[in-house]
Amino acid sequence: MTPVSSTKRGPYAPSKKRREAVVAAVLELVDEVGHEGVTTALVSERSGVPETTVLYHFPSKDHLLVAALARSEDLRAEAVGAYGPDAFLDAEALGKLAPETFDDRRSRLYLMLKGQAATPDHPAAEYFVARASRQIEIFSQLLTHSQQNGLAQPGLDAVNTARQIIAVWDGLTQMWVSDPSFEIGPLLKDAIRRLTGQDLMEVQALLSRP
């Protein structure tokens, strides 16, 4: 029997590279021409992957756009960094982060796909369900730690408050895309402080000092 090499990786590695090249090309095109201008022919030309192969991996333009959005959000998460075990819900930091996470064309892509996700069999539906679940988990954990450290009202339901914060962030995104005349950061910061009762907790902390 001929021994099997441990370095043999089969078709998965080149297939993965082709997918990554295609997704990178889609994201570049979204930045340049907007999601409306993306076509499989342009993606093929930009990525160097044959159009038939593009369609093999991504059966429709919607599949391409969902993959590009997922990659965009992964890159943003990498830039922000992972939250440590002692992290809490920092309204100041999120307010400063918000302006960096809103790019006009990517925001339009996000809002368009989120609207399409209301259709159960749309490629974006599964992605946004998983995204919402992940966001709620992260924000509720951050809020719980804030409560434990006296930075948020202890009686709040962390999961429901996390949903409210996410809803405010999404709502501000939608408003800003249509009317970028206001700053998102200060509004998001203020909303988080109000929803978590941070102002009240800070006043109580001051009053309790000897």
N, C-alpha and C. Protein backbone atom coordinates (compact mmCIF):
# COMPACT_ATOMS: atom_id res chain seq x y z
N MET A 1 0.84 -1.19 0.00
CA MET A 1 0.00 0.00 0.00
C MET A 1 0.88 1.24 0.00
N THR A 2 0.55 2.21 -0.85
CA THR A 2 1.31 3.45 -0.91
C THR A 2 0.90 4.37 0.23
N PRO A 3 1.85 4.82 1.04
CA PRO A 3 1.51 5.69 2.16
C PRO A 3 0.91 7.01 1.68
N VAL A 4 -0.03 7.51 2.45
CA VAL A 4 -0.67 8.79 2.12
C VAL A 4 0.12 9.91 2.76
N SER A 5 0.48 10.89 1.99
CA SER A 5 1.24 12.02 2.52
C SER A 5 0.39 12.84 3.46
N SER A 6 0.96 13.24 4.58
CA SER A 6 0.23 14.05 5.55
C SER A 6 0.04 15.48 5.08
N THR A 7 0.79 15.86 4.02
CA THR A 7 0.69 17.23 3.52
C THR A 7 -0.34 17.36 2.41
N LYS A 8 -0.90 16.26 1.98
CA LYS A 8 -1.89 16.32 0.91
C LYS A 8 -3.17 16.96 1.44
N ARG A 9 -3.61 17.97 0.77
CA ARG A 9 -4.75 18.72 1.27
C ARG A 9 -5.97 18.63 0.36
N GLY A 10 -5.83 17.96 -0.79
CA GLY A 10 -6.98 17.80 -1.66
C GLY A 10 -7.41 19.10 -2.28
N PRO A 11 -8.64 19.14 -2.79
CA PRO A 11 -9.12 20.33 -3.51
C PRO A 11 -9.57 21.47 -2.59
N TYR A 12 -9.61 21.23 -1.28
CA TYR A 12 -10.18 22.24 -0.38
C TYR A 12 -9.37 23.53 -0.38
N ALA A 13 -8.02 23.41 -0.29
CA ALA A 13 -7.19 24.61 -0.17
C ALA A 13 -7.33 25.55 -1.37
N PRO A 14 -7.16 25.07 -2.62
CA PRO A 14 -7.34 25.99 -3.75
C PRO A 14 -8.77 26.51 -3.85
N SER A 15 -9.75 25.68 -3.49
CA SER A 15 -11.14 26.11 -3.53
C SER A 15 -11.37 27.25 -2.54
N LYS A 16 -10.77 27.11 -1.35
CA LYS A 16 -10.89 28.15 -0.33
C LYS A 16 -10.25 29.44 -0.81
N LYS A 17 -9.11 29.34 -1.46
CA LYS A 17 -8.43 30.53 -1.96
C LYS A 17 -9.24 31.22 -3.04
N ARG A 18 -9.88 30.41 -3.89
CA ARG A 18 -10.72 31.01 -4.93
C ARG A 18 -11.90 31.75 -4.32
N ARG A 19 -12.52 31.14 -3.32
CA ARG A 19 -13.64 31.80 -2.65
C ARG A 19 -13.19 33.11 -2.00
N GLU A 20 -12.05 33.07 -1.34
CA GLU A 20 -11.54 34.28 -0.69
C GLU A 20 -11.24 35.38 -1.71
N ALA A 21 -10.68 34.98 -2.86
CA ALA A 21 -10.37 35.95 -3.91
C ALA A 21 -11.65 36.57 -4.46
N VAL A 22 -12.67 35.75 -4.62
CA VAL A 22 -13.95 36.23 -5.13
C VAL A 22 -14.58 37.22 -4.14
N VAL A 23 -14.60 36.85 -2.87
CA VAL A 23 -15.21 37.72 -1.85
C VAL A 23 -14.46 39.04 -1.75
N ALA A 24 -13.13 38.98 -1.80
CA ALA A 24 -12.33 40.20 -1.74
C ALA A 24 -12.65 41.10 -2.94
N ALA A 25 -12.83 40.49 -4.10
CA ALA A 25 -13.16 41.26 -5.30
C ALA A 25 -14.53 41.92 -5.17
N VAL A 26 -15.49 41.21 -4.61
CA VAL A 26 -16.83 41.78 -4.43
C VAL A 26 -16.77 42.98 -3.50
N LEU A 27 -16.03 42.85 -2.41
CA LEU A 27 -15.94 43.94 -1.44
C LEU A 27 -15.26 45.17 -2.06
N GLU A 28 -14.24 44.94 -2.87
CA GLU A 28 -13.59 46.06 -3.56
C GLU A 28 -14.57 46.76 -4.50
N LEU A 29 -15.36 45.97 -5.21
CA LEU A 29 -16.32 46.54 -6.15
C LEU A 29 -17.43 47.30 -5.43
N VAL A 30 -17.86 46.78 -4.28
CA VAL A 30 -18.86 47.50 -3.49
C VAL A 30 -18.32 48.86 -3.10
N ASP A 31 -17.06 48.92 -2.67
CA ASP A 31 -16.45 50.18 -2.28
C ASP A 31 -16.33 51.14 -3.46
N GLU A 32 -16.12 50.59 -4.65
CA GLU A 32 -15.87 51.43 -5.82
C GLU A 32 -17.15 51.86 -6.54
N VAL A 33 -18.08 50.92 -6.72
CA VAL A 33 -19.26 51.22 -7.54
C VAL A 33 -20.58 51.00 -6.81
N GLY A 34 -20.51 50.56 -5.55
CA GLY A 34 -21.73 50.28 -4.81
C GLY A 34 -22.26 48.89 -5.15
N HIS A 35 -23.11 48.36 -4.27
CA HIS A 35 -23.60 47.00 -4.50
C HIS A 35 -24.43 46.90 -5.77
N GLU A 36 -25.04 48.02 -6.18
CA GLU A 36 -25.87 47.98 -7.39
C GLU A 36 -25.04 47.67 -8.64
N GLY A 37 -23.79 48.11 -8.63
CA GLY A 37 -22.95 47.94 -9.81
C GLY A 37 -22.20 46.63 -9.88
N VAL A 38 -22.33 45.80 -8.85
CA VAL A 38 -21.62 44.52 -8.83
C VAL A 38 -22.29 43.53 -9.79
N THR A 39 -21.50 42.91 -10.64
CA THR A 39 -21.97 41.84 -11.52
C THR A 39 -21.01 40.66 -11.43
N THR A 40 -21.49 39.49 -11.77
CA THR A 40 -20.61 38.32 -11.72
C THR A 40 -19.47 38.46 -12.74
N ALA A 41 -19.73 39.13 -13.86
CA ALA A 41 -18.67 39.33 -14.85
C ALA A 41 -17.56 40.22 -14.29
N LEU A 42 -17.95 41.30 -13.59
CA LEU A 42 -16.94 42.17 -12.99
C LEU A 42 -16.18 41.45 -11.89
N VAL A 43 -16.88 40.65 -11.11
CA VAL A 43 -16.23 39.90 -10.03
C VAL A 43 -15.22 38.92 -10.62
N SER A 44 -15.60 38.26 -11.70
CA SER A 44 -14.70 37.32 -12.36
C SER A 44 -13.46 38.03 -12.87
N GLU A 45 -13.67 39.18 -13.50
CA GLU A 45 -12.54 39.95 -14.04
C GLU A 45 -11.61 40.42 -12.93
N ARG A 46 -12.18 40.92 -11.84
CA ARG A 46 -11.38 41.47 -10.75
C ARG A 46 -10.63 40.37 -9.99
N SER A 47 -11.28 39.23 -9.78
CA SER A 47 -10.69 38.16 -8.97
C SER A 47 -9.80 37.21 -9.77
N GLY A 48 -9.97 37.21 -11.10
CA GLY A 48 -9.23 36.26 -11.91
C GLY A 48 -9.80 34.86 -11.85
N VAL A 49 -10.99 34.72 -11.34
CA VAL A 49 -11.66 33.42 -11.24
C VAL A 49 -12.72 33.35 -12.34
N PRO A 50 -12.76 32.27 -13.13
CA PRO A 50 -13.76 32.17 -14.19
C PRO A 50 -15.18 32.37 -13.67
N GLU A 51 -16.02 33.00 -14.47
CA GLU A 51 -17.38 33.32 -14.04
C GLU A 51 -18.16 32.06 -13.67
N THR A 52 -17.92 30.98 -14.41
CA THR A 52 -18.61 29.72 -14.08
C THR A 52 -18.22 29.22 -12.69
N THR A 53 -16.95 29.43 -12.32
CA THR A 53 -16.48 29.02 -11.00
C THR A 53 -17.05 29.94 -9.92
N VAL A 54 -17.14 31.23 -10.24
CA VAL A 54 -17.77 32.17 -9.30
C VAL A 54 -19.18 31.72 -8.98
N LEU A 55 -19.94 31.37 -10.02
CA LEU A 55 -21.33 30.96 -9.84
C LEU A 55 -21.43 29.58 -9.19
N TYR A 56 -20.40 28.78 -9.32
CA TYR A 56 -20.40 27.48 -8.65
C TYR A 56 -20.35 27.67 -7.13
N HIS A 57 -19.50 28.58 -6.70
CA HIS A 57 -19.35 28.84 -5.27
C HIS A 57 -20.47 29.74 -4.73
N PHE A 58 -20.90 30.68 -5.56
CA PHE A 58 -21.93 31.65 -5.14
C PHE A 58 -23.01 31.69 -6.22
N PRO A 59 -24.11 30.97 -6.03
CA PRO A 59 -25.11 30.78 -7.09
C PRO A 59 -25.79 32.04 -7.60
N SER A 60 -25.72 33.15 -6.85
CA SER A 60 -26.39 34.37 -7.29
C SER A 60 -25.63 35.59 -6.79
N LYS A 61 -26.00 36.73 -7.31
CA LYS A 61 -25.40 37.98 -6.87
C LYS A 61 -25.67 38.20 -5.39
N ASP A 62 -26.85 37.83 -4.92
CA ASP A 62 -27.17 38.00 -3.50
C ASP A 62 -26.22 37.19 -2.62
N HIS A 63 -25.88 35.98 -3.05
CA HIS A 63 -24.93 35.16 -2.29
C HIS A 63 -23.57 35.86 -2.23
N LEU A 64 -23.17 36.48 -3.33
CA LEU A 64 -21.90 37.22 -3.36
C LEU A 64 -21.92 38.39 -2.39
N LEU A 65 -23.02 39.12 -2.38
CA LEU A 65 -23.11 40.30 -1.53
C LEU A 65 -23.15 39.94 -0.05
N VAL A 66 -23.83 38.85 0.29
CA VAL A 66 -23.87 38.40 1.69
C VAL A 66 -22.46 38.02 2.14
N ALA A 67 -21.73 37.31 1.28
CA ALA A 67 -20.36 36.91 1.62
C ALA A 67 -19.47 38.13 1.79
N ALA A 68 -19.67 39.15 0.95
CA ALA A 68 -18.87 40.38 1.06
C ALA A 68 -19.19 41.12 2.35
N LEU A 69 -20.46 41.18 2.72
CA LEU A 69 -20.84 41.83 3.97
C LEU A 69 -20.24 41.11 5.16
N ALA A 70 -20.30 39.79 5.14
CA ALA A 70 -19.73 39.00 6.24
C ALA A 70 -18.23 39.27 6.37
N ARG A 71 -17.54 39.35 5.24
CA ARG A 71 -16.10 39.63 5.26
C ARG A 71 -15.82 41.03 5.79
N SER A 72 -16.64 42.00 5.38
CA SER A 72 -16.47 43.37 5.84
C SER A 72 -16.60 43.44 7.36
N GLU A 73 -17.57 42.74 7.91
CA GLU A 73 -17.79 42.78 9.35
C GLU A 73 -16.70 42.01 10.10
N ASP A 74 -16.17 40.96 9.47
CA ASP A 74 -15.04 40.25 10.09
C ASP A 74 -13.82 41.15 10.17
N LEU A 75 -13.57 41.90 9.11
CA LEU A 75 -12.43 42.82 9.10
C LEU A 75 -12.59 43.90 10.15
N ARG A 76 -13.81 44.39 10.30
CA ARG A 76 -14.07 45.41 11.31
C ARG A 76 -13.84 44.85 12.71
N ALA A 77 -14.30 43.62 12.94
CA ALA A 77 -14.12 42.99 14.24
C ALA A 77 -12.64 42.78 14.55
N GLU A 78 -11.87 42.40 13.53
CA GLU A 78 -10.43 42.21 13.72
C GLU A 78 -9.76 43.53 14.08
N ALA A 79 -10.22 44.61 13.46
CA ALA A 79 -9.63 45.93 13.74
C ALA A 79 -9.95 46.40 15.15
N VAL A 80 -11.16 46.10 15.61
CA VAL A 80 -11.57 46.50 16.95
C VAL A 80 -10.88 45.65 18.00
N GLY A 81 -10.74 44.37 17.71
CA GLY A 81 -10.13 43.45 18.66
C GLY A 81 -11.17 42.74 19.51
N ALA A 82 -10.78 41.63 20.08
CA ALA A 82 -11.70 40.84 20.89
C ALA A 82 -11.87 41.48 22.26
N TYR A 83 -13.07 41.30 22.82
CA TYR A 83 -13.32 41.80 24.17
C TYR A 83 -12.75 40.82 25.18
N GLY A 84 -12.01 41.34 26.15
CA GLY A 84 -11.44 40.50 27.19
C GLY A 84 -12.48 40.10 28.22
N PRO A 85 -12.13 39.20 29.11
CA PRO A 85 -13.07 38.72 30.12
C PRO A 85 -13.54 39.80 31.09
N ASP A 86 -12.77 40.87 31.23
CA ASP A 86 -13.13 41.95 32.15
C ASP A 86 -13.77 43.14 31.45
N ALA A 87 -14.06 42.99 30.17
CA ALA A 87 -14.62 44.11 29.41
C ALA A 87 -16.04 44.43 29.86
N PHE A 88 -16.40 45.70 29.76
CA PHE A 88 -17.74 46.12 30.10
C PHE A 88 -18.29 46.98 28.96
N LEU A 89 -19.56 47.35 29.07
CA LEU A 89 -20.21 48.13 28.02
C LEU A 89 -19.78 49.59 28.16
N ASP A 90 -18.85 50.01 27.32
CA ASP A 90 -18.25 51.33 27.40
C ASP A 90 -18.92 52.26 26.39
N ALA A 91 -19.85 53.09 26.86
CA ALA A 91 -20.58 53.99 25.96
C ALA A 91 -19.63 54.96 25.26
N GLU A 92 -18.62 55.44 25.98
CA GLU A 92 -17.66 56.39 25.41
C GLU A 92 -16.91 55.77 24.25
N ALA A 93 -16.41 54.54 24.46
CA ALA A 93 -15.64 53.87 23.42
C ALA A 93 -16.50 53.54 22.20
N LEU A 94 -17.73 53.07 22.44
CA LEU A 94 -18.61 52.74 21.33
C LEU A 94 -19.01 53.99 20.55
N GLY A 95 -19.18 55.10 21.27
CA GLY A 95 -19.49 56.35 20.59
C GLY A 95 -18.37 56.79 19.68
N LYS A 96 -17.13 56.57 20.10
CA LYS A 96 -15.98 56.92 19.27
C LYS A 96 -15.80 55.94 18.12
N LEU A 97 -16.17 54.68 18.36
CA LEU A 97 -16.02 53.66 17.34
C LEU A 97 -17.03 53.83 16.22
N ALA A 98 -18.23 54.26 16.55
CA ALA A 98 -19.33 54.32 15.59
C ALA A 98 -18.98 55.01 14.28
N PRO A 99 -18.37 56.21 14.30
CA PRO A 99 -18.08 56.87 13.02
C PRO A 99 -17.15 56.06 12.13
N GLU A 100 -16.30 55.22 12.72
CA GLU A 100 -15.36 54.43 11.93
C GLU A 100 -16.03 53.23 11.28
N THR A 101 -17.22 52.87 11.74
CA THR A 101 -17.87 51.67 11.23
C THR A 101 -18.93 51.98 10.19
N PHE A 102 -19.10 53.26 9.85
CA PHE A 102 -20.12 53.63 8.89
C PHE A 102 -19.48 54.14 7.61
N ASP A 103 -19.43 53.30 6.63
CA ASP A 103 -18.99 53.69 5.31
C ASP A 103 -20.24 53.73 4.44
N ASP A 104 -20.40 54.77 3.67
CA ASP A 104 -21.65 54.99 2.94
C ASP A 104 -22.07 53.77 2.13
N ARG A 105 -21.20 53.28 1.26
CA ARG A 105 -21.58 52.17 0.38
C ARG A 105 -21.75 50.86 1.13
N ARG A 106 -20.90 50.63 2.11
CA ARG A 106 -21.06 49.40 2.89
C ARG A 106 -22.30 49.47 3.78
N SER A 107 -22.63 50.66 4.25
CA SER A 107 -23.85 50.82 5.05
C SER A 107 -25.08 50.55 4.20
N ARG A 108 -25.04 51.02 2.96
CA ARG A 108 -26.17 50.77 2.05
C ARG A 108 -26.29 49.28 1.75
N LEU A 109 -25.17 48.61 1.58
CA LEU A 109 -25.19 47.17 1.37
C LEU A 109 -25.81 46.47 2.56
N TYR A 110 -25.38 46.86 3.75
CA TYR A 110 -25.91 46.27 4.98
C TYR A 110 -27.41 46.45 5.08
N LEU A 111 -27.89 47.67 4.87
CA LEU A 111 -29.31 47.95 5.02
C LEU A 111 -30.14 47.25 3.94
N MET A 112 -29.60 47.19 2.72
CA MET A 112 -30.31 46.51 1.65
C MET A 112 -30.48 45.03 1.97
N LEU A 113 -29.39 44.39 2.40
CA LEU A 113 -29.46 42.96 2.69
C LEU A 113 -30.29 42.69 3.93
N LYS A 114 -30.25 43.58 4.89
CA LYS A 114 -31.06 43.38 6.09
C LYS A 114 -32.55 43.42 5.74
N GLY A 115 -32.91 44.31 4.83
CA GLY A 115 -34.29 44.35 4.37
C GLY A 115 -34.67 43.07 3.63
N GLN A 116 -33.76 42.59 2.78
CA GLN A 116 -34.02 41.36 2.03
C GLN A 116 -34.10 40.14 2.94
N ALA A 117 -33.43 40.23 4.10
CA ALA A 117 -33.40 39.09 5.03
C ALA A 117 -34.77 38.77 5.60
N ALA A 118 -35.72 39.68 5.45
CA ALA A 118 -37.08 39.42 5.91
C ALA A 118 -37.76 38.33 5.09
N THR A 119 -37.21 38.05 3.91
CA THR A 119 -37.70 36.95 3.08
C THR A 119 -37.01 35.68 3.54
N PRO A 120 -37.74 34.70 4.06
CA PRO A 120 -37.12 33.52 4.70
C PRO A 120 -36.11 32.77 3.85
N ASP A 121 -36.33 32.65 2.53
CA ASP A 121 -35.42 31.86 1.71
C ASP A 121 -34.33 32.69 1.05
N HIS A 122 -34.22 33.97 1.45
CA HIS A 122 -33.17 34.81 0.88
C HIS A 122 -31.83 34.43 1.51
N PRO A 123 -30.72 34.49 0.73
CA PRO A 123 -29.41 34.14 1.29
C PRO A 123 -29.01 34.94 2.53
N ALA A 124 -29.57 36.15 2.69
CA ALA A 124 -29.21 36.98 3.84
C ALA A 124 -29.93 36.58 5.11
N ALA A 125 -31.02 35.82 5.00
CA ALA A 125 -31.85 35.51 6.17
C ALA A 125 -31.06 34.77 7.25
N GLU A 126 -30.41 33.71 6.88
CA GLU A 126 -29.65 32.91 7.85
C GLU A 126 -28.50 33.72 8.44
N TYR A 127 -27.85 34.53 7.60
CA TYR A 127 -26.73 35.32 8.08
C TYR A 127 -27.17 36.30 9.15
N PHE A 128 -28.27 37.00 8.93
CA PHE A 128 -28.69 38.02 9.88
C PHE A 128 -29.25 37.41 11.17
N VAL A 129 -29.83 36.23 11.10
CA VAL A 129 -30.26 35.55 12.32
C VAL A 129 -29.04 35.24 13.19
N ALA A 130 -28.01 34.69 12.57
CA ALA A 130 -26.78 34.35 13.30
C ALA A 130 -26.09 35.61 13.81
N ARG A 131 -26.09 36.66 13.00
CA ARG A 131 -25.45 37.92 13.38
C ARG A 131 -26.14 38.53 14.60
N ALA A 132 -27.46 38.55 14.58
CA ALA A 132 -28.20 39.12 15.70
C ALA A 132 -27.96 38.34 16.98
N SER A 133 -27.95 37.03 16.86
CA SER A 133 -27.70 36.19 18.03
C SER A 133 -26.33 36.45 18.63
N ARG A 134 -25.34 36.60 17.74
CA ARG A 134 -23.97 36.85 18.20
C ARG A 134 -23.86 38.22 18.86
N GLN A 135 -24.49 39.22 18.26
CA GLN A 135 -24.44 40.57 18.83
C GLN A 135 -25.13 40.64 20.20
N ILE A 136 -26.28 40.01 20.30
CA ILE A 136 -27.01 40.02 21.57
C ILE A 136 -26.18 39.36 22.66
N GLU A 137 -25.54 38.27 22.31
CA GLU A 137 -24.70 37.56 23.30
C GLU A 137 -23.55 38.46 23.77
N ILE A 138 -22.88 39.12 22.83
CA ILE A 138 -21.74 39.98 23.17
C ILE A 138 -22.19 41.15 24.04
N PHE A 139 -23.22 41.86 23.59
CA PHE A 139 -23.66 43.05 24.31
C PHE A 139 -24.24 42.70 25.68
N SER A 140 -24.96 41.60 25.77
CA SER A 140 -25.53 41.22 27.07
C SER A 140 -24.44 40.83 28.06
N GLN A 141 -23.38 40.19 27.57
CA GLN A 141 -22.25 39.85 28.45
C GLN A 141 -21.54 41.11 28.93
N LEU A 142 -21.33 42.06 28.02
CA LEU A 142 -20.69 43.31 28.40
C LEU A 142 -21.54 44.06 29.43
N LEU A 143 -22.85 44.07 29.20
CA LEU A 143 -23.74 44.77 30.11
C LEU A 143 -23.79 44.09 31.48
N THR A 144 -23.79 42.76 31.49
CA THR A 144 -23.79 42.03 32.76
C THR A 144 -22.56 42.37 33.57
N HIS A 145 -21.43 42.47 32.90
CA HIS A 145 -20.20 42.82 33.61
C HIS A 145 -20.25 44.26 34.12
N SER A 146 -20.88 45.14 33.35
CA SER A 146 -21.07 46.52 33.80
C SER A 146 -21.93 46.56 35.06
N GLN A 147 -22.98 45.75 35.09
CA GLN A 147 -23.86 45.69 36.25
C GLN A 147 -23.09 45.20 37.48
N GLN A 148 -22.26 44.21 37.27
CA GLN A 148 -21.49 43.64 38.38
C GLN A 148 -20.49 44.64 38.95
N ASN A 149 -20.11 45.62 38.13
CA ASN A 149 -19.13 46.62 38.56
C ASN A 149 -19.77 47.98 38.86
N GLY A 150 -21.09 48.00 39.00
CA GLY A 150 -21.77 49.23 39.37
C GLY A 150 -21.82 50.27 38.29
N LEU A 151 -21.69 49.86 37.03
CA LEU A 151 -21.67 50.81 35.91
C LEU A 151 -22.99 50.81 35.14
N ALA A 152 -23.93 49.95 35.53
CA ALA A 152 -25.25 49.89 34.90
C ALA A 152 -26.25 49.45 35.95
N GLN A 153 -27.50 49.83 35.77
CA GLN A 153 -28.52 49.49 36.75
C GLN A 153 -28.64 47.98 36.92
N PRO A 154 -28.60 47.49 38.14
CA PRO A 154 -28.61 46.04 38.38
C PRO A 154 -29.92 45.36 38.00
N GLY A 155 -31.02 46.09 37.97
CA GLY A 155 -32.31 45.46 37.68
C GLY A 155 -32.60 45.28 36.21
N LEU A 156 -31.74 45.75 35.33
CA LEU A 156 -32.00 45.65 33.89
C LEU A 156 -31.90 44.21 33.42
N ASP A 157 -32.74 43.85 32.47
CA ASP A 157 -32.60 42.58 31.77
C ASP A 157 -31.52 42.77 30.71
N ALA A 158 -30.40 42.08 30.87
CA ALA A 158 -29.25 42.32 29.99
C ALA A 158 -29.55 41.99 28.54
N VAL A 159 -30.29 40.93 28.30
CA VAL A 159 -30.58 40.52 26.92
C VAL A 159 -31.49 41.53 26.24
N ASN A 160 -32.56 41.93 26.93
CA ASN A 160 -33.48 42.89 26.32
C ASN A 160 -32.82 44.25 26.12
N THR A 161 -31.98 44.67 27.07
CA THR A 161 -31.28 45.94 26.90
C THR A 161 -30.29 45.86 25.74
N ALA A 162 -29.66 44.70 25.58
CA ALA A 162 -28.76 44.51 24.44
C ALA A 162 -29.52 44.66 23.13
N ARG A 163 -30.70 44.10 23.07
CA ARG A 163 -31.53 44.24 21.86
C ARG A 163 -31.85 45.71 21.59
N GLN A 164 -32.15 46.45 22.64
CA GLN A 164 -32.47 47.87 22.47
C GLN A 164 -31.28 48.66 21.95
N ILE A 165 -30.11 48.38 22.48
CA ILE A 165 -28.90 49.08 22.03
C ILE A 165 -28.62 48.78 20.57
N ILE A 166 -28.75 47.53 20.20
CA ILE A 166 -28.53 47.13 18.80
C ILE A 166 -29.55 47.81 17.89
N ALA A 167 -30.80 47.90 18.36
CA ALA A 167 -31.84 48.54 17.56
C ALA A 167 -31.54 50.02 17.35
N VAL A 168 -31.05 50.69 18.39
CA VAL A 168 -30.67 52.10 18.26
C VAL A 168 -29.54 52.25 17.25
N TRP A 169 -28.53 51.40 17.36
CA TRP A 169 -27.38 51.47 16.45
C TRP A 169 -27.84 51.27 15.01
N ASP A 170 -28.68 50.26 14.77
CA ASP A 170 -29.18 50.01 13.43
C ASP A 170 -30.04 51.16 12.93
N GLY A 171 -30.87 51.70 13.81
CA GLY A 171 -31.72 52.81 13.41
C GLY A 171 -30.93 54.04 13.03
N LEU A 172 -29.89 54.34 13.80
CA LEU A 172 -29.03 55.48 13.48
C LEU A 172 -28.31 55.25 12.15
N THR A 173 -27.93 54.01 11.89
CA THR A 173 -27.31 53.69 10.60
C THR A 173 -28.23 54.03 9.46
N GLN A 174 -29.46 53.58 9.56
CA GLN A 174 -30.43 53.82 8.50
C GLN A 174 -30.68 55.31 8.30
N MET A 175 -30.81 56.05 9.38
CA MET A 175 -31.04 57.49 9.28
C MET A 175 -29.83 58.19 8.66
N TRP A 176 -28.63 57.76 9.07
CA TRP A 176 -27.41 58.42 8.60
C TRP A 176 -27.19 58.21 7.11
N VAL A 177 -27.51 57.02 6.62
CA VAL A 177 -27.33 56.75 5.19
C VAL A 177 -28.19 57.68 4.35
N SER A 178 -29.40 57.97 4.82
CA SER A 178 -30.29 58.87 4.10
C SER A 178 -29.96 60.33 4.36
N ASP A 179 -29.43 60.62 5.55
CA ASP A 179 -29.14 62.01 5.92
C ASP A 179 -27.88 62.06 6.78
N PRO A 180 -26.70 62.15 6.15
CA PRO A 180 -25.44 62.14 6.90
C PRO A 180 -25.07 63.49 7.50
N SER A 181 -26.06 64.30 7.82
CA SER A 181 -25.78 65.64 8.34
C SER A 181 -25.54 65.65 9.85
N PHE A 182 -25.72 64.52 10.51
CA PHE A 182 -25.53 64.49 11.96
C PHE A 182 -24.44 63.50 12.33
N GLU A 183 -23.94 63.59 13.56
CA GLU A 183 -22.90 62.68 14.04
C GLU A 183 -23.54 61.52 14.79
N ILE A 184 -23.17 60.33 14.42
CA ILE A 184 -23.74 59.13 15.04
C ILE A 184 -23.18 58.90 16.43
N GLY A 185 -21.87 59.10 16.58
CA GLY A 185 -21.19 58.77 17.83
C GLY A 185 -21.83 59.35 19.08
N PRO A 186 -22.02 60.67 19.16
CA PRO A 186 -22.62 61.25 20.37
C PRO A 186 -24.02 60.72 20.66
N LEU A 187 -24.81 60.50 19.62
CA LEU A 187 -26.17 59.99 19.81
C LEU A 187 -26.15 58.56 20.34
N LEU A 188 -25.25 57.75 19.82
CA LEU A 188 -25.15 56.37 20.28
C LEU A 188 -24.68 56.34 21.73
N LYS A 189 -23.68 57.13 22.04
CA LYS A 189 -23.17 57.22 23.41
C LYS A 189 -24.28 57.60 24.38
N ASP A 190 -25.03 58.64 24.03
CA ASP A 190 -26.11 59.11 24.90
C ASP A 190 -27.18 58.03 25.08
N ALA A 191 -27.52 57.33 23.99
CA ALA A 191 -28.55 56.29 24.07
C ALA A 191 -28.11 55.15 24.98
N ILE A 192 -26.86 54.75 24.88
CA ILE A 192 -26.36 53.66 25.71
C ILE A 192 -26.40 54.05 27.19
N ARG A 193 -25.99 55.27 27.48
CA ARG A 193 -26.00 55.73 28.87
C ARG A 193 -27.43 55.76 29.42
N ARG A 194 -28.38 56.18 28.60
CA ARG A 194 -29.76 56.23 29.04
C ARG A 194 -30.34 54.83 29.25
N LEU A 195 -30.08 53.95 28.30
CA LEU A 195 -30.64 52.60 28.36
C LEU A 195 -30.06 51.79 29.52
N THR A 196 -28.81 52.02 29.83
CA THR A 196 -28.17 51.26 30.90
C THR A 196 -28.28 51.93 32.26
N GLY A 197 -28.75 53.18 32.28
CA GLY A 197 -28.83 53.90 33.55
C GLY A 197 -27.48 54.31 34.08
N GLN A 198 -26.52 54.48 33.17
CA GLN A 198 -25.15 54.80 33.60
C GLN A 198 -25.08 56.14 34.32
N ASP A 199 -25.84 57.11 33.84
CA ASP A 199 -25.83 58.43 34.50
C ASP A 199 -26.26 58.31 35.96
N LEU A 200 -27.34 57.57 36.18
CA LEU A 200 -27.86 57.40 37.53
C LEU A 200 -26.86 56.68 38.43
N MET A 201 -26.21 55.66 37.89
CA MET A 201 -25.24 54.90 38.66
C MET A 201 -24.05 55.78 39.05
N GLU A 202 -23.66 56.68 38.14
CA GLU A 202 -22.53 57.55 38.45
C GLU A 202 -22.92 58.56 39.54
N VAL A 203 -24.14 59.07 39.49
CA VAL A 203 -24.60 60.00 40.53
C VAL A 203 -24.64 59.29 41.88
N GLN A 204 -25.18 58.07 41.90
CA GLN A 204 -25.26 57.30 43.14
C GLN A 204 -23.87 57.02 43.69
N ALA A 205 -22.92 56.75 42.82
CA ALA A 205 -21.55 56.50 43.26
C ALA A 205 -20.95 57.75 43.91
N LEU A 206 -21.23 58.90 43.31
CA LEU A 206 -20.72 60.15 43.88
C LEU A 206 -21.34 60.44 45.24
N LEU A 207 -22.63 60.19 45.37
CA LEU A 207 -23.33 60.47 46.63
C LEU A 207 -22.90 59.52 47.75
N SER A 208 -22.47 58.35 47.38
CA SER A 208 -22.07 57.37 48.39
C SER A 208 -20.65 57.55 48.89
N ARG A 209 -19.90 58.45 48.24
CA ARG A 209 -18.53 58.67 48.69
C ARG A 209 -18.52 59.43 50.01
N PRO A 210 -17.62 59.07 50.90
CA PRO A 210 -17.54 59.74 52.20
C PRO A 210 -17.08 61.19 52.07
